[in-house]
C-alpha atoms as a PDB file:
ATOM      1  CA  MET A   1     -34.616  15.369  95.688  1.00  0.00           C
ATOM      2  CA  VAL A   2     -32.026  14.345  93.095  1.00  0.00           C
ATOM      3  CA  ARG A   3     -32.023  10.748  94.342  1.00  0.00           C
ATOM      4  CA  ILE A   4     -35.831  10.518  94.229  1.00  0.00           C
ATOM      5  CA  LEU A   5     -35.897  11.930  90.712  1.00  0.00           C
ATOM      6  CA  ALA A   6     -33.121   9.659  89.424  1.00  0.00           C
ATOM      7  CA  LYS A   7     -34.668   6.537  90.960  1.00  0.00           C
ATOM      8  CA  SER A   8     -38.123   7.466  89.629  1.00  0.00           C
ATOM      9  CA  ARG A   9     -36.755   7.893  86.112  1.00  0.00           C
ATOM     10  CA  ILE A  10     -34.999   4.529  86.170  1.00  0.00           C
ATOM     11  CA  ASN A  11     -37.949   2.617  87.625  1.00  0.00           C
ATOM     12  CA  ASN A  12     -40.580   4.383  85.534  1.00  0.00           C
ATOM     13  CA  ARG A  13     -38.716   3.682  82.303  1.00  0.00           C
ATOM     14  CA  LYS A  14     -38.364   0.020  83.280  1.00  0.00           C
ATOM     15  CA  HIS A  15     -42.117  -0.280  83.911  1.00  0.00           C
ATOM     16  CA  GLY A  16     -43.360   1.860  81.001  1.00  0.00           C
ATOM     17  CA  LEU A  17     -44.455   4.731  83.233  1.00  0.00           C
ATOM     18  CA  VAL A  18     -44.163   8.461  82.508  1.00  0.00           C
ATOM     19  CA  GLY A  19     -45.033  11.544  84.560  1.00  0.00           C
ATOM     20  CA  VAL A  20     -43.956  14.635  86.494  1.00  0.00           C
ATOM     21  CA  LEU A  21     -42.508  15.351  89.945  1.00  0.00           C
ATOM     22  CA  TYR A  22     -43.135  18.633  91.774  1.00  0.00           C
ATOM     23  CA  PHE A  23     -41.925  19.781  95.186  1.00  0.00           C
ATOM     24  CA  GLY A  24     -43.415  22.714  97.076  1.00  0.00           C
ATOM     25  CA  ASP A  25     -43.918  23.714 100.705  1.00  0.00           C
ATOM     26  CA  GLY A  26     -42.585  20.425 102.048  1.00  0.00           C
ATOM     27  CA  ALA A  27     -44.660  18.103  99.863  1.00  0.00           C
ATOM     28  CA  PHE A  28     -43.894  16.247  96.670  1.00  0.00           C
ATOM     29  CA  PHE A  29     -46.579  15.930  94.030  1.00  0.00           C
ATOM     30  CA  GLN A  30     -46.041  13.235  91.434  1.00  0.00           C
ATOM     31  CA  CYS A  31     -48.120  12.304  88.429  1.00  0.00           C
ATOM     32  CA  LEU A  32     -47.512   8.860  86.956  1.00  0.00           C
ATOM     33  CA  GLU A  33     -48.976   7.613  83.694  1.00  0.00           C
ATOM     34  CA  GLY A  34     -48.851   3.994  82.618  1.00  0.00           C
ATOM     35  CA  ASP A  35     -50.467   0.580  82.605  1.00  0.00           C
ATOM     36  CA  GLU A  36     -53.007   0.263  85.406  1.00  0.00           C
ATOM     37  CA  ALA A  37     -51.367  -2.875  86.800  1.00  0.00           C
ATOM     38  CA  ALA A  38     -47.945  -1.189  86.866  1.00  0.00           C
ATOM     39  CA  VAL A  39     -49.357   1.913  88.556  1.00  0.00           C
ATOM     40  CA  ASN A  40     -51.291  -0.146  91.091  1.00  0.00           C
ATOM     41  CA  THR A  41     -48.132  -2.119  91.891  1.00  0.00           C
ATOM     42  CA  LEU A  42     -46.164   1.092  92.399  1.00  0.00           C
ATOM     43  CA  PHE A  43     -48.909   2.615  94.527  1.00  0.00           C
ATOM     44  CA  SER A  44     -48.909  -0.478  96.756  1.00  0.00           C
ATOM     45  CA  LYS A  45     -45.139  -0.165  97.171  1.00  0.00           C
ATOM     46  CA  ILE A  46     -45.477   3.510  98.073  1.00  0.00           C
ATOM     47  CA  GLU A  47     -48.189   2.746 100.631  1.00  0.00           C
ATOM     48  CA  GLN A  48     -45.975   0.088 102.233  1.00  0.00           C
ATOM     49  CA  ASP A  49     -42.772   2.167 102.140  1.00  0.00           C
ATOM     50  CA  PRO A  50     -41.992   3.313 105.703  1.00  0.00           C
ATOM     51  CA  ARG A  51     -40.502   6.572 104.367  1.00  0.00           C
ATOM     52  CA  HIS A  52     -44.012   7.714 103.369  1.00  0.00           C
ATOM     53  CA  ARG A  53     -46.826   8.428 105.798  1.00  0.00           C
ATOM     54  CA  ASP A  54     -50.373   9.649 105.303  1.00  0.00           C
ATOM     55  CA  VAL A  55     -50.633   8.432 101.711  1.00  0.00           C
ATOM     56  CA  LYS A  56     -53.824   9.859 100.236  1.00  0.00           C
ATOM     57  CA  LEU A  57     -55.555   9.055  96.968  1.00  0.00           C
ATOM     58  CA  ILE A  58     -56.893  12.377  95.681  1.00  0.00           C
ATOM     59  CA  SER A  59     -58.639  11.175  92.541  1.00  0.00           C
ATOM     60  CA  LYS A  60     -58.725   8.498  89.876  1.00  0.00           C
ATOM     61  CA  LYS A  61     -60.166   8.885  86.413  1.00  0.00           C
ATOM     62  CA  TYR A  62     -59.834   7.537  82.895  1.00  0.00           C
ATOM     63  CA  VAL A  63     -58.335   9.792  80.227  1.00  0.00           C
ATOM     64  CA  SER A  64     -57.739   9.471  76.491  1.00  0.00           C
ATOM     65  CA  LYS A  65     -54.143  10.715  76.245  1.00  0.00           C
ATOM     66  CA  LEU A  66     -50.999  11.000  78.329  1.00  0.00           C
ATOM     67  CA  SER A  67     -50.179  14.377  79.857  1.00  0.00           C
ATOM     68  CA  PHE A  68     -46.425  13.713  80.088  1.00  0.00           C
ATOM     69  CA  PRO A  69     -45.691  11.250  77.258  1.00  0.00           C
ATOM     70  CA  ASP A  70     -42.073  12.347  76.788  1.00  0.00           C
ATOM     71  CA  TRP A  71     -40.974  12.148  80.404  1.00  0.00           C
ATOM     72  CA  ALA A  72     -39.946   9.098  82.426  1.00  0.00           C
ATOM     73  CA  MET A  73     -40.196  11.700  85.194  1.00  0.00           C
ATOM     74  CA  LYS A  74     -40.328  15.402  84.426  1.00  0.00           C
ATOM     75  CA  TYR A  75     -39.166  17.620  87.293  1.00  0.00           C
ATOM     76  CA  ALA A  76     -41.025  20.876  87.945  1.00  0.00           C
ATOM     77  CA  PRO A  77     -39.395  23.009  90.665  1.00  0.00           C
ATOM     78  CA  LEU A  78     -41.193  25.554  92.838  1.00  0.00           C
ATOM     79  CA  ASP A  79     -41.576  28.770  90.878  1.00  0.00           C
ATOM     80  CA  ASP A  80     -43.452  32.077  90.883  1.00  0.00           C
ATOM     81  CA  ARG A  81     -46.015  30.798  88.374  1.00  0.00           C
ATOM     82  CA  MET A  82     -47.149  28.021  90.744  1.00  0.00           C
ATOM     83  CA  GLY A  83     -47.229  30.463  93.666  1.00  0.00           C
ATOM     84  CA  GLN A  84     -49.447  32.840  91.718  1.00  0.00           C
ATOM     85  CA  PHE A  85     -51.652  29.966  90.534  1.00  0.00           C
ATOM     86  CA  LEU A  86     -52.173  28.786  94.116  1.00  0.00           C
ATOM     87  CA  LYS A  87     -52.965  32.329  95.277  1.00  0.00           C
ATOM     88  CA  ASP A  88     -55.427  32.811  92.412  1.00  0.00           C
ATOM     89  CA  ASN A  89     -57.195  29.607  93.510  1.00  0.00           C
ATOM     90  CA  GLY A  90     -57.400  30.548  97.197  1.00  0.00           C
ATOM     91  CA  TYR A  91     -54.439  28.568  98.552  1.00  0.00           C
ATOM     92  CA  LYS A  92     -51.678  30.084 100.701  1.00  0.00           C
ATOM     93  CA  THR A  93     -49.340  27.096 100.313  1.00  0.00           C
ATOM     94  CA  PHE A  94     -48.933  24.029  98.130  1.00  0.00           C
ATOM     95  CA  ASP A  95     -50.890  21.438 100.131  1.00  0.00           C
ATOM     96  CA  PRO A  96     -52.176  18.543  98.016  1.00  0.00           C
ATOM     97  CA  TYR A  97     -54.067  17.144 101.023  1.00  0.00           C
ATOM     98  CA  GLN A  98     -56.512  20.022 100.552  1.00  0.00           C
ATOM     99  CA  PHE A  99     -56.822  19.646  96.765  1.00  0.00           C
ATOM    100  CA  THR A 100     -60.060  18.471  95.239  1.00  0.00           C
ATOM    101  CA  PRO A 101     -59.901  16.276  92.120  1.00  0.00           C
ATOM    102  CA  GLU A 102     -60.692  19.413  90.108  1.00  0.00           C
ATOM    103  CA  MET A 103     -57.804  21.346  91.686  1.00  0.00           C
ATOM    104  CA  THR A 104     -55.521  18.372  91.079  1.00  0.00           C
ATOM    105  CA  GLN A 105     -56.422  18.504  87.380  1.00  0.00           C
ATOM    106  CA  LYS A 106     -55.658  22.234  87.314  1.00  0.00           C
ATOM    107  CA  ILE A 107     -52.288  21.637  89.014  1.00  0.00           C
ATOM    108  CA  LEU A 108     -51.439  19.037  86.362  1.00  0.00           C
ATOM    109  CA  GLY A 109     -52.249  21.631  83.718  1.00  0.00           C
ATOM    110  CA  VAL A 110     -49.716  23.994  85.268  1.00  0.00           C
ATOM    111  CA  LEU A 111     -47.108  21.228  85.522  1.00  0.00           C
ATOM    112  CA  VAL A 112     -47.495  20.196  81.860  1.00  0.00           C
ATOM    113  CA  ASP A 113     -46.097  23.601  80.868  1.00  0.00           C
ATOM    114  CA  ALA A 114     -43.565  23.921  83.713  1.00  0.00           C
ATOM    115  CA  TYR A 115     -39.889  24.279  82.882  1.00  0.00           C
ATOM    116  CA  ASP A 116     -37.720  21.279  83.779  1.00  0.00           C
ATOM    117  CA  PRO A 117     -34.150  22.330  84.613  1.00  0.00           C
ATOM    118  CA  THR A 118     -33.062  18.740  83.982  1.00  0.00           C
ATOM    119  CA  LEU A 119     -34.420  18.855  80.405  1.00  0.00           C
ATOM    120  CA  GLU A 120     -31.080  18.152  78.710  1.00  0.00           C
ATOM    121  CA  ILE A 121     -30.473  15.014  80.772  1.00  0.00           C
ATOM    122  CA  GLU A 122     -33.993  13.627  80.327  1.00  0.00           C
ATOM    123  CA  SER A 123     -34.355  14.478  76.639  1.00  0.00           C
ATOM    124  CA  SER A 124     -31.440  12.195  75.793  1.00  0.00           C
ATOM    125  CA  VAL A 125     -33.406   9.153  76.992  1.00  0.00           C
ATOM    126  CA  THR A 126     -37.039   9.885  76.095  1.00  0.00           C
ATOM    127  CA  GLU A 127     -37.275   8.373  72.618  1.00  0.00           C
ATOM    128  CA  PRO A 128     -38.460   4.931  73.773  1.00  0.00           C
ATOM    129  CA  ILE A 129     -40.987   6.590  76.073  1.00  0.00           C
ATOM    130  CA  SER A 130     -42.323   8.785  73.265  1.00  0.00           C
ATOM    131  CA  ALA A 131     -42.708   5.772  70.990  1.00  0.00           C
ATOM    132  CA  GLN A 132     -44.541   3.915  73.742  1.00  0.00           C
ATOM    133  CA  ALA A 133     -46.790   6.912  74.420  1.00  0.00           C
ATOM    134  CA  ASN A 134     -47.637   7.187  70.718  1.00  0.00           C
ATOM    135  CA  ALA A 135     -48.579   3.515  70.634  1.00  0.00           C
ATOM    136  CA  ILE A 136     -50.792   4.014  73.672  1.00  0.00           C
ATOM    137  CA  THR A 137     -52.629   7.057  72.354  1.00  0.00           C
ATOM    138  CA  GLN A 138     -53.138   5.536  68.886  1.00  0.00           C
ATOM    139  CA  ALA A 139     -54.458   2.221  70.207  1.00  0.00           C
ATOM    140  CA  ASP A 140     -57.918   0.948  69.411  1.00  0.00           C
ATOM    141  CA  SER A 141     -60.177   0.461  72.378  1.00  0.00           C
ATOM    142  CA  SER A 142     -58.769  -2.212  74.650  1.00  0.00           C
ATOM    143  CA  PRO A 143     -59.855  -3.928  77.854  1.00  0.00           C
ATOM    144  CA  ASN A 144     -56.479  -3.023  79.390  1.00  0.00           C
ATOM    145  CA  LYS A 145     -56.251   0.332  81.161  1.00  0.00           C
ATOM    146  CA  LEU A 146     -53.441   2.812  81.613  1.00  0.00           C
ATOM    147  CA  VAL A 147     -53.303   4.810  84.811  1.00  0.00           C
ATOM    148  CA  VAL A 148     -52.045   8.339  85.142  1.00  0.00           C
ATOM    149  CA  LEU A 149     -51.089   8.624  88.784  1.00  0.00           C
ATOM    150  CA  SER A 150     -50.356  11.848  90.670  1.00  0.00           C
ATOM    151  CA  LEU A 151     -48.487  11.598  93.943  1.00  0.00           C
ATOM    152  CA  ALA A 152     -47.591  14.197  96.484  1.00  0.00           C
ATOM    153  CA  LEU A 153     -45.074  12.822  98.910  1.00  0.00           C
ATOM    154  CA  SER A 154     -42.316  13.633 101.332  1.00  0.00           C
ATOM    155  CA  ILE A 155     -40.510  11.805 104.083  1.00  0.00           C
ATOM    156  CA  ILE A 156     -43.639  12.279 106.169  1.00  0.00           C
ATOM    157  CA  ALA A 157     -46.441  12.591 103.655  1.00  0.00           C
ATOM    158  CA  CYS A 158     -47.749  11.254 100.368  1.00  0.00           C
ATOM    159  CA  ALA A 159     -50.904  12.234  98.488  1.00  0.00           C
ATOM    160  CA  LEU A 160     -51.999  10.610  95.268  1.00  0.00           C
ATOM    161  CA  SER A 161     -54.218  11.198  92.291  1.00  0.00           C
ATOM    162  CA  VAL A 162     -54.836   8.539  89.658  1.00  0.00           C
ATOM    163  CA  TYR A 163     -55.917   8.953  86.034  1.00  0.00           C
ATOM    164  CA  VAL A 164     -56.555   5.902  83.873  1.00  0.00           C
ATOM    165  CA  LEU A 165     -55.919   5.629  80.115  1.00  0.00           C
ATOM    166  CA  VAL A 166     -56.686   3.018  77.486  1.00  0.00           C
ATOM    167  CA  SER A 167     -53.537   1.025  76.700  1.00  0.00           C
ATOM    168  CA  VAL A 168     -52.110  -1.394  74.177  1.00  0.00           C
ATOM    169  CA  PRO A 169     -52.259  -5.041  75.416  1.00  0.00           C
ATOM    170  CA  GLY A 170     -48.830  -6.344  76.414  1.00  0.00           C
ATOM    171  CA  LEU A 171     -47.222  -2.878  76.250  1.00  0.00           C
ATOM    172  CA  VAL A 172     -45.730  -3.031  79.721  1.00  0.00           C
END
């Protein structure tokens, strides 16, 4: 887990991506936000990576602001709040392969507020990401798109949800 998180933070920062990583019941769920081309490139790499099987795109939509603008990769560990949320929504386990786009959006809402035990490490390097996120959300309408990408993955599985944002040309 630590290696995945560290590598994600390095690569995401390099490519202007932000997001969150969650692990529960044997599956990772990752939301990525960034330039559509950068997200599409990463998604292609994930699909071709032999460590991931059963990659599934859950949803893709355009949004007006980043959900995780201050995080190259926020980490949200399994906790009681997520367990209760899943139970309240009729799920016995965290299984993104069963999530509808609507459930994926609800999960992202829970993850936005989730505590990140690595907060002190990440907060020391988020300033450039915050500045980039501010530029993105304050941009005039642009033909370029930013994608917010949610992945659930493990050694044997990967599920994905994509959200697209308006971006600043040449940002990434």
